[in-house]
Protein backbone atom coordinates (compact mmCIF):
# COMPACT_ATOMS: atom_id res chain seq x y z
CA UNK A 1 -9.47 88.45 -19.85
CA UNK A 2 -7.52 89.84 -16.92
CA UNK A 3 -9.76 91.14 -14.16
CA UNK A 4 -12.95 89.97 -15.86
CA UNK A 5 -15.34 87.18 -14.90
CA UNK A 6 -14.64 84.25 -17.24
CA UNK A 7 -17.04 81.50 -16.20
CA UNK A 8 -17.77 79.16 -19.09
CA UNK A 9 -18.47 81.91 -21.62
CA UNK A 10 -18.50 80.97 -25.31
CA UNK A 11 -18.36 77.27 -24.51
CA UNK A 12 -19.38 76.38 -28.06
CA UNK A 13 -17.14 79.03 -29.67
CA UNK A 14 -13.52 78.18 -28.76
CA UNK A 15 -12.14 81.04 -30.87
CA UNK A 16 -13.92 83.56 -28.59
CA UNK A 17 -12.86 82.01 -25.28
CA UNK A 18 -10.19 83.54 -23.04
CA UNK A 19 -6.67 82.24 -23.62
CA UNK A 20 -3.53 81.86 -21.54
CA UNK A 21 -1.27 84.88 -21.17
CA UNK A 22 2.53 84.54 -21.28
CA UNK A 23 2.41 84.33 -17.49
CA UNK A 24 -0.20 81.60 -17.74
CA UNK A 25 1.97 79.61 -20.15
CA UNK A 26 4.91 79.92 -17.74
CA UNK A 27 2.68 78.76 -14.88
CA UNK A 28 1.57 75.73 -16.88
CA UNK A 29 5.19 74.81 -17.59
CA UNK A 30 6.09 75.16 -13.91
CA UNK A 31 3.27 72.92 -12.71
CA UNK A 32 4.05 70.44 -15.49
CA UNK A 33 7.63 70.14 -14.25
CA UNK A 34 6.45 69.73 -10.66
CA UNK A 35 4.12 66.90 -11.73
CA UNK A 36 6.76 64.96 -13.67
CA UNK A 37 7.67 62.58 -10.78
CA UNK A 38 4.04 61.53 -10.37
CA UNK A 39 3.10 58.45 -12.44
CA UNK A 40 -0.16 59.65 -13.97
CA UNK A 41 -2.45 57.16 -15.66
CA UNK A 42 -5.00 59.57 -17.06
CA UNK A 43 -5.49 63.29 -17.77
CA UNK A 44 -9.04 64.66 -17.71
CA UNK A 45 -9.55 68.24 -18.80
CA UNK A 46 -12.30 70.84 -19.04
CA UNK A 47 -13.47 71.61 -22.59
CA UNK A 48 -12.64 75.32 -22.17
CA UNK A 49 -9.64 76.49 -24.18
CA UNK A 50 -7.60 77.84 -21.25
CA UNK A 51 -7.77 74.47 -19.50
CA UNK A 52 -7.07 72.54 -22.72
CA UNK A 53 -3.96 74.63 -23.41
CA UNK A 54 -2.75 74.18 -19.82
CA UNK A 55 -3.18 70.40 -20.10
CA UNK A 56 -1.39 70.32 -23.45
CA UNK A 57 1.63 72.12 -21.98
CA UNK A 58 1.73 69.83 -18.95
CA UNK A 59 1.41 66.75 -21.14
CA UNK A 60 4.09 67.88 -23.59
CA UNK A 61 6.71 67.82 -20.81
CA UNK A 62 6.13 64.16 -20.00
CA UNK A 63 8.38 61.49 -21.53
CA UNK A 64 5.29 59.49 -22.45
CA UNK A 65 2.39 61.87 -23.09
CA UNK A 66 -1.11 60.63 -22.36
CA UNK A 67 -4.27 61.13 -24.42
CA UNK A 68 -6.17 64.18 -23.15
CA UNK A 69 -9.74 63.23 -22.28
CA UNK A 70 -12.26 66.07 -22.28
CA UNK A 71 -14.66 65.98 -19.32
CA UNK A 72 -17.59 68.41 -19.52
CA UNK A 73 -18.12 68.14 -15.76
CA UNK A 74 -14.77 69.89 -15.25
CA UNK A 75 -16.21 73.00 -16.92
CA UNK A 76 -16.15 76.25 -14.96
CA UNK A 77 -19.14 77.73 -13.13
CA UNK A 78 -21.75 79.35 -15.36
CA UNK A 79 -22.29 83.04 -14.57
CA UNK A 80 -23.94 84.18 -17.82
CA UNK A 81 -24.97 87.66 -16.63
CA UNK A 82 -21.47 88.53 -15.40
CA UNK A 83 -19.09 86.92 -17.88
CA UNK A 84 -16.82 89.51 -19.48
CA UNK A 85 -17.55 92.04 -16.72
CA UNK A 86 -15.17 93.07 -13.92
CA UNK A 87 -16.10 92.46 -10.31
CA UNK A 88 -15.52 96.18 -9.69
CA UNK A 89 -18.28 96.97 -12.19
CA UNK A 90 -20.53 94.27 -10.69
CA UNK A 91 -20.03 95.71 -7.20
CA UNK A 92 -20.83 99.21 -8.47
CA UNK A 93 -23.89 98.29 -10.53
CA UNK A 94 -25.32 95.43 -8.42
CA UNK A 95 -24.11 95.84 -4.83
CA UNK A 96 -26.76 93.52 -3.37
CA UNK A 97 -25.96 90.68 -5.77
CA UNK A 98 -22.23 91.26 -5.30
CA UNK A 99 -22.71 90.94 -1.53
CA UNK A 100 -24.79 87.78 -2.04
CA UNK A 101 -22.04 86.28 -4.23
CA UNK A 102 -19.38 86.80 -1.58
CA UNK A 103 -21.39 86.06 1.58
CA UNK A 104 -24.19 83.67 0.56
CA UNK A 105 -23.04 82.32 -2.82
CA UNK A 106 -25.46 79.40 -2.70
CA UNK A 107 -28.38 81.87 -2.81
CA UNK A 108 -27.22 83.75 -5.91
CA UNK A 109 -29.73 83.33 -8.75
CA UNK A 110 -29.16 83.93 -12.44
CA UNK A 111 -31.72 83.37 -15.17
CA UNK A 112 -33.78 81.11 -12.94
CA UNK A 113 -30.79 78.99 -11.88
CA UNK A 114 -28.45 78.87 -8.90
CA UNK A 115 -24.90 78.77 -10.30
CA UNK A 116 -23.12 77.54 -7.17
CA UNK A 117 -25.70 74.85 -6.41
CA UNK A 118 -25.56 73.70 -10.04
CA UNK A 119 -21.75 73.61 -9.87
CA UNK A 120 -21.85 71.42 -6.76
CA UNK A 121 -24.25 69.03 -8.50
CA UNK A 122 -21.84 68.97 -11.46
CA UNK A 123 -18.93 68.16 -9.13
CA UNK A 124 -20.86 65.32 -7.53
CA UNK A 125 -21.66 63.92 -10.96
CA UNK A 126 -17.96 64.09 -11.86
CA UNK A 127 -16.95 62.10 -8.77
CA UNK A 128 -19.64 59.50 -9.45
CA UNK A 129 -18.32 59.04 -12.98
CA UNK A 130 -14.75 58.81 -11.70
CA UNK A 131 -15.64 56.12 -9.17
CA UNK A 132 -17.54 54.08 -11.72
CA UNK A 133 -14.80 54.10 -14.37
CA UNK A 134 -11.36 54.80 -12.92
CA UNK A 135 -10.93 52.97 -9.62
CA UNK A 136 -7.33 52.78 -8.40
CA UNK A 137 -5.88 55.22 -10.93
CA UNK A 138 -3.82 58.37 -10.38
CA UNK A 139 -5.59 61.02 -12.42
CA UNK A 140 -4.73 64.61 -13.24
CA UNK A 141 -7.82 66.81 -13.51
CA UNK A 142 -7.28 70.17 -15.20
CA UNK A 143 -10.17 72.45 -14.40
CA UNK A 144 -10.82 75.93 -13.04
CA UNK A 145 -11.02 77.80 -9.75
CA UNK A 146 -14.74 77.35 -9.22
CA UNK A 147 -15.12 73.72 -10.23
CA UNK A 148 -11.98 72.76 -8.31
CA UNK A 149 -13.42 74.30 -5.15
CA UNK A 150 -16.69 72.47 -5.72
CA UNK A 151 -14.82 69.19 -6.29
CA UNK A 152 -12.91 69.52 -3.02
CA UNK A 153 -16.03 70.59 -1.15
CA UNK A 154 -18.24 67.75 -2.41
CA UNK A 155 -15.50 65.19 -1.73
CA UNK A 156 -15.22 66.30 1.89
CA UNK A 157 -18.86 67.09 2.62
CA UNK A 158 -18.45 70.88 2.70
CA UNK A 159 -21.69 72.71 1.97
CA UNK A 160 -22.20 75.22 -0.91
CA UNK A 161 -22.46 78.21 1.44
CA UNK A 162 -18.70 77.72 2.11
CA UNK A 163 -17.82 77.94 -1.59
CA UNK A 164 -15.56 80.95 -1.06
CA UNK A 165 -13.86 79.41 1.98
CA UNK A 166 -11.57 77.34 -0.25
CA UNK A 167 -8.89 79.09 -2.29
CA UNK A 168 -7.64 77.97 -5.72
CA UNK A 169 -4.87 79.84 -7.55
CA UNK A 170 -3.78 79.59 -11.18
CA UNK A 171 -1.92 76.31 -11.83
CA UNK A 172 -2.08 75.35 -8.17
CA UNK A 173 -2.15 71.67 -7.20
CA UNK A 174 -4.61 70.02 -4.85
CA UNK A 175 -4.46 66.31 -4.03
CA UNK A 176 -7.56 64.29 -3.11
CA UNK A 177 -7.08 60.68 -2.05
CA UNK A 178 -10.09 58.36 -2.36
CA UNK A 179 -10.35 55.17 -0.34
CA UNK A 180 -12.01 52.00 -1.57
CA UNK A 181 -15.04 52.64 0.65
CA UNK A 182 -15.72 55.98 -1.04
CA UNK A 183 -14.30 58.27 1.62
CA UNK A 184 -12.07 61.15 0.53
CA UNK A 185 -9.11 62.80 2.23
CA UNK A 186 -7.66 66.13 1.16
CA UNK A 187 -3.91 65.52 1.20
CA UNK A 188 -3.16 69.10 0.23
CA UNK A 189 -4.83 72.10 -1.37
CA UNK A 190 -3.76 75.09 -3.43
CA UNK A 191 -0.05 74.30 -3.50
CA UNK A 192 1.85 76.97 -5.45
CA UNK A 193 5.43 76.56 -4.20
CA UNK A 194 6.45 75.35 -7.69
CA UNK A 195 5.79 78.94 -8.81
CA UNK A 196 8.38 80.25 -6.38
CA UNK A 197 5.88 81.25 -3.70
CA UNK A 198 6.70 80.82 -0.02
CA UNK A 199 3.04 81.15 0.93
CA UNK A 200 0.13 81.93 -1.35
CA UNK A 201 -0.07 85.73 -1.52
CA UNK A 202 -2.65 87.44 0.68
CA UNK A 203 -5.30 88.83 -1.63
CA UNK A 204 -5.48 92.62 -2.06
CA UNK A 205 -7.90 94.22 0.37
CA UNK A 206 -8.02 91.26 2.75
CA UNK A 207 -7.46 92.51 6.27
CA UNK A 208 -6.41 89.33 8.05
CA UNK A 209 -5.22 87.99 10.37
CA UNK A 210 -3.35 85.15 8.62
CA UNK A 211 -2.89 81.99 10.67
CA UNK A 212 -0.20 79.40 9.91
CA UNK A 213 -1.27 76.02 11.28
CA UNK A 214 1.73 73.68 11.54
CA UNK A 215 2.03 70.07 12.61
CA UNK A 216 5.11 69.18 14.66
CA UNK A 217 8.10 67.36 13.16
CA UNK A 218 8.63 63.62 13.28
CA UNK A 219 9.25 61.67 16.48
CA UNK A 220 10.63 58.17 16.80
CA UNK A 221 7.15 56.96 17.65
CA UNK A 222 5.81 58.55 14.46
CA UNK A 223 8.45 56.58 12.57
CA UNK A 224 7.49 53.36 14.35
CA UNK A 225 3.75 54.12 13.86
CA UNK A 226 3.28 53.93 17.61
CA UNK A 227 0.37 55.82 19.16
CA UNK A 228 1.69 58.82 21.12
CA UNK A 229 -1.34 60.77 22.25
CA UNK A 230 -0.34 62.86 25.24
CA UNK A 231 2.84 60.94 26.09
CA UNK A 232 5.56 63.57 25.83
CA UNK A 233 7.77 62.21 23.06
CA UNK A 234 10.42 64.64 21.70
CA UNK A 235 11.41 65.16 18.08
CA UNK A 236 13.84 62.63 16.65
CA UNK A 237 16.77 63.68 14.43
CA UNK A 238 14.61 63.78 11.32
CA UNK A 239 11.95 65.76 13.20
CA UNK A 240 14.53 68.34 14.23
CA UNK A 241 15.65 68.60 10.61
CA UNK A 242 12.02 69.04 9.53
CA UNK A 243 11.58 71.80 12.13
CA UNK A 244 14.75 73.51 10.88
CA UNK A 245 13.59 73.26 7.26
CA UNK A 246 10.19 74.66 8.21
CA UNK A 247 11.94 77.50 10.05
CA UNK A 248 14.14 78.25 7.01
CA UNK A 249 11.13 78.12 4.69
CA UNK A 250 9.17 80.57 6.85
CA UNK A 251 12.16 82.79 7.64
CA UNK A 252 11.12 85.56 5.18
CA UNK A 253 7.61 85.61 6.69
CA UNK A 254 7.01 88.07 9.52
CA UNK A 255 5.40 86.30 12.50
CA UNK A 256 3.63 88.47 15.07
CA UNK A 257 2.25 85.93 17.55
CA UNK A 258 2.84 82.27 18.27
CA UNK A 259 0.93 79.49 20.01
CA UNK A 260 1.76 75.82 20.55
CA UNK A 261 0.77 72.74 22.45
CA UNK A 262 2.90 72.39 25.60
CA UNK A 263 4.05 68.89 24.62
CA UNK A 264 7.70 68.68 23.58
CA UNK A 265 7.27 67.83 19.90
CA UNK A 266 5.21 70.93 18.92
CA UNK A 267 7.04 73.13 21.42
CA UNK A 268 10.41 72.17 19.92
CA UNK A 269 9.04 72.75 16.40
CA UNK A 270 7.68 76.18 17.33
CA UNK A 271 10.92 77.17 19.07
CA UNK A 272 12.91 76.28 15.96
CA UNK A 273 10.62 78.43 13.80
CA UNK A 274 10.83 81.34 16.25
CA UNK A 275 14.59 81.22 16.74
CA UNK A 276 16.06 84.67 16.12
CA UNK A 277 12.65 86.34 16.27
CA UNK A 278 11.44 88.54 19.11
CA UNK A 279 8.17 86.67 19.43
CA UNK A 280 7.02 85.02 22.66
CA UNK A 281 5.47 81.55 22.55
CA UNK A 282 2.13 80.99 24.29
CA UNK A 283 1.44 77.38 25.27
CA UNK A 284 -2.19 76.25 25.24
CA UNK A 285 -3.26 73.02 26.93
CA UNK A 286 -6.24 72.86 24.59
CA UNK A 287 -3.81 72.33 21.67
CA UNK A 288 -2.58 69.01 23.11
CA UNK A 289 -2.92 65.85 21.05
CA UNK A 290 -5.90 63.57 21.60
CA UNK A 291 -5.51 61.36 24.65
CA UNK A 292 -5.45 57.77 23.39
CA UNK A 293 -5.59 56.44 26.95
CA UNK A 294 -4.59 52.79 27.06
CA UNK A 295 -3.60 52.85 23.38
CA UNK A 296 -0.69 55.18 24.05
CA UNK A 297 2.74 53.67 23.56
CA UNK A 298 1.30 50.76 21.57
CA UNK A 299 1.63 49.63 17.96
CA UNK A 300 -1.45 48.86 15.89
CA UNK A 301 -0.93 45.09 16.22
CA UNK A 302 -0.82 45.41 20.01
CA UNK A 303 -3.99 47.51 20.08
CA UNK A 304 -5.80 45.03 17.83
CA UNK A 305 -4.84 42.18 20.15
CA UNK A 306 -6.04 43.99 23.28
CA UNK A 307 -9.04 45.80 21.76
CA UNK A 308 -10.22 43.68 18.81
CA UNK A 309 -12.02 45.62 16.07
CA UNK A 310 -11.55 49.05 17.63
CA UNK A 311 -8.83 50.19 15.23
CA UNK A 312 -11.04 49.37 12.26
CA UNK A 313 -13.88 51.30 13.93
CA UNK A 314 -11.47 54.22 14.55
CA UNK A 315 -10.83 54.36 10.80
CA UNK A 316 -14.44 53.81 9.73
CA UNK A 317 -16.47 55.69 12.36
CA UNK A 318 -14.04 57.72 14.52
CA UNK A 319 -16.86 59.78 16.00
CA UNK A 320 -18.13 56.70 17.87
CA UNK A 321 -14.83 55.59 19.43
CA UNK A 322 -14.15 56.26 23.10
CA UNK A 323 -10.46 55.80 23.76
CA UNK A 324 -10.13 53.50 26.82
CA UNK A 325 -9.26 55.83 29.72
CA UNK A 326 -8.75 58.57 27.13
CA UNK A 327 -10.80 61.02 25.07
CA UNK A 328 -13.39 60.82 22.34
CA UNK A 329 -13.46 63.14 19.34
CA UNK A 330 -16.28 65.27 20.71
CA UNK A 331 -13.98 66.25 23.55
CA UNK A 332 -11.19 67.01 21.08
CA UNK A 333 -13.63 69.11 19.00
CA UNK A 334 -14.53 71.14 22.11
CA UNK A 335 -10.85 71.71 22.98
CA UNK A 336 -10.04 72.68 19.39
CA UNK A 337 -12.92 75.16 19.37
CA UNK A 338 -11.75 76.79 22.60
CA UNK A 339 -8.15 77.01 21.39
CA UNK A 340 -9.16 78.44 18.01
CA UNK A 341 -11.44 81.03 19.59
CA UNK A 342 -8.66 82.17 21.92
CA UNK A 343 -6.12 82.36 19.10
CA UNK A 344 -8.43 84.34 16.80
CA UNK A 345 -9.68 86.62 19.60
CA UNK A 346 -6.15 87.72 20.52
CA UNK A 347 -5.01 88.20 16.91
CA UNK A 348 -5.15 91.57 15.22
CA UNK A 349 -5.83 92.64 11.62
CA UNK A 350 -2.74 92.33 9.47
CA UNK A 351 -0.96 89.96 11.83
CA UNK A 352 0.53 86.59 10.95
CA UNK A 353 0.04 84.04 13.72
CA UNK A 354 1.92 80.77 14.11
CA UNK A 355 0.07 77.81 15.65
CA UNK A 356 1.94 74.51 16.14
CA UNK A 357 -0.13 71.52 17.13
CA UNK A 358 -0.63 67.83 16.46
CA UNK A 359 -2.31 65.65 13.86
CA UNK A 360 -5.67 65.20 15.60
CA UNK A 361 -6.02 68.72 17.01
CA UNK A 362 -5.08 70.27 13.66
CA UNK A 363 -7.58 68.03 11.88
CA UNK A 364 -10.27 69.14 14.34
CA UNK A 365 -9.45 72.81 13.75
CA UNK A 366 -9.55 72.42 9.97
CA UNK A 367 -12.82 70.51 10.09
CA UNK A 368 -14.42 73.21 12.21
CA UNK A 369 -13.50 75.90 9.68
CA UNK A 370 -16.19 74.25 7.55
CA UNK A 371 -18.52 73.12 10.35
CA UNK A 372 -17.61 69.48 9.72
CA UNK A 373 -18.43 67.09 12.56
CA UNK A 374 -16.19 64.38 14.08
CA UNK A 375 -17.41 61.83 11.53
CA UNK A 376 -15.25 63.78 9.01
CA UNK A 377 -12.13 63.49 11.19
CA UNK A 378 -10.06 61.92 8.40
CA UNK A 379 -10.98 64.62 5.85
CA UNK A 380 -7.67 66.53 6.11
CA UNK A 381 -4.19 65.06 6.02
CA UNK A 382 -1.55 66.69 8.22
CA UNK A 383 2.08 65.83 7.47
CA UNK A 384 4.91 66.19 9.96
CA UNK A 385 6.16 69.74 9.48
CA UNK A 386 3.24 70.50 7.15
CA UNK A 387 1.90 74.07 6.97
CA UNK A 388 -1.69 75.15 6.37
CA UNK A 389 -2.69 78.78 5.83
CA UNK A 390 -5.99 80.25 7.04
CA UNK A 391 -6.94 83.80 6.06
CA UNK A 392 -9.74 86.17 6.99
CA UNK A 393 -11.20 88.30 4.22
CA UNK A 394 -12.82 91.05 6.29
CA UNK A 395 -11.18 90.72 9.68
CA UNK A 396 -11.48 88.00 12.28
CA UNK A 397 -15.27 88.26 12.45
CA UNK A 398 -15.58 87.06 8.85
CA UNK A 399 -15.59 83.45 7.69
CA UNK A 400 -12.10 81.91 7.62
CA UNK A 401 -10.69 80.83 4.25
CA UNK A 402 -8.46 77.78 3.87
CA UNK A 403 -5.92 79.36 1.54
CA UNK A 404 -3.51 76.41 1.49
CA UNK A 405 -3.55 73.02 3.17
CA UNK A 406 -0.59 70.87 4.19
CA UNK A 407 2.44 72.36 2.44
CA UNK A 408 5.31 69.85 2.71
CA UNK A 409 7.19 70.96 -0.43
CA UNK A 410 9.91 72.53 1.74
CA UNK A 411 10.71 69.13 3.28
CA UNK A 412 11.11 67.00 0.15
CA UNK A 413 10.73 69.18 -2.93
CA UNK A 414 7.72 67.07 -3.86
CA UNK A 415 4.09 68.03 -4.30
CA UNK A 416 3.06 64.80 -2.55
CA UNK A 417 3.27 64.51 1.23
CA UNK A 418 5.72 61.71 2.10
CA UNK A 419 6.10 62.58 5.79
CA UNK A 420 3.28 61.07 7.82
CA UNK A 421 3.40 57.32 8.28
CA UNK A 422 0.39 56.40 10.37
CA UNK A 423 -0.34 56.57 14.07
CA UNK A 424 -1.11 59.86 15.81
């Protein structure tokens, strides 16, 4: 049903549901191959035929196939008045509702229901079921664009009005890690490098700019899990290799502007990416890493000895931790906001902008795309050399869209991020 709204149409009539195209079958095979190294313990799949077929292809490639378990709560969003109709026709015939769908999706009403709000409730019910039955398992969930966005959003605390601010492509992979205390971290989102993409293609009609948010390569202190903060530690040999691999990966991508923290590790990473390009590098103090104060230069065991209980509080309630003689997250949030505003204000439609920062500052920027507060600091993982892509649908005044989060495929050939080891 190319170009038509699918939703969950004909849920009870599988023979009338949309099916995979030849391209879709090839995509399913590609993602199945990419998932082979991951030791899955369970495969949950939407009841809709296109998801079932995708899961069957993925499962058939595994040396020991798993039983496919149908999960109704992985079903796609219900848009009964639009299913089988193109968005072009919807825009022409119902411009007000089309505008509502794209700009205030949580307010769209159909047949006395609110499809996006219902989808978010469905996603929350799915997570509750998962927590009650499948603790500690690695699970593949095969769903759809809408439900996958709702799953990521509800896991991280993103509100339904930001439904369209998360991108999900066909046979992409997103990784959500759940901790024992019920907190979720998005390791990565909308990975499509297994389909031969460098970056997820900019959607037709989107005017940009496109911002590439990169974390610096590894340092020796990263490897030792020693807190760096604003101590100016350079890249180690592996970090330089990561920077070179990131540069090679991005080489086909035109970069128009570039910003970085002035500390050596992001500056060296940015310079590697920009080598051979006629692009100047602007250094922004507001992109510096969080100041850990008296924690800087110390291992976790040393911090625990000197400041008992504070590391546990940093993990559990980071918004309430004041680094001794350093910063708190509210200060980092304010710096991140200033840096982001400057970067976006100086960017032009159609440009691709490189931004190289640190773990904490990048986390703060990503959180603020969705108006998440410092209590959600751990919501986004940022690997050394990882790349996130932020797009603007209707120019820089429109809401930013997280197109892809934390690409590290170019560093290891793996969907999973194996780079970051601990301390900031």
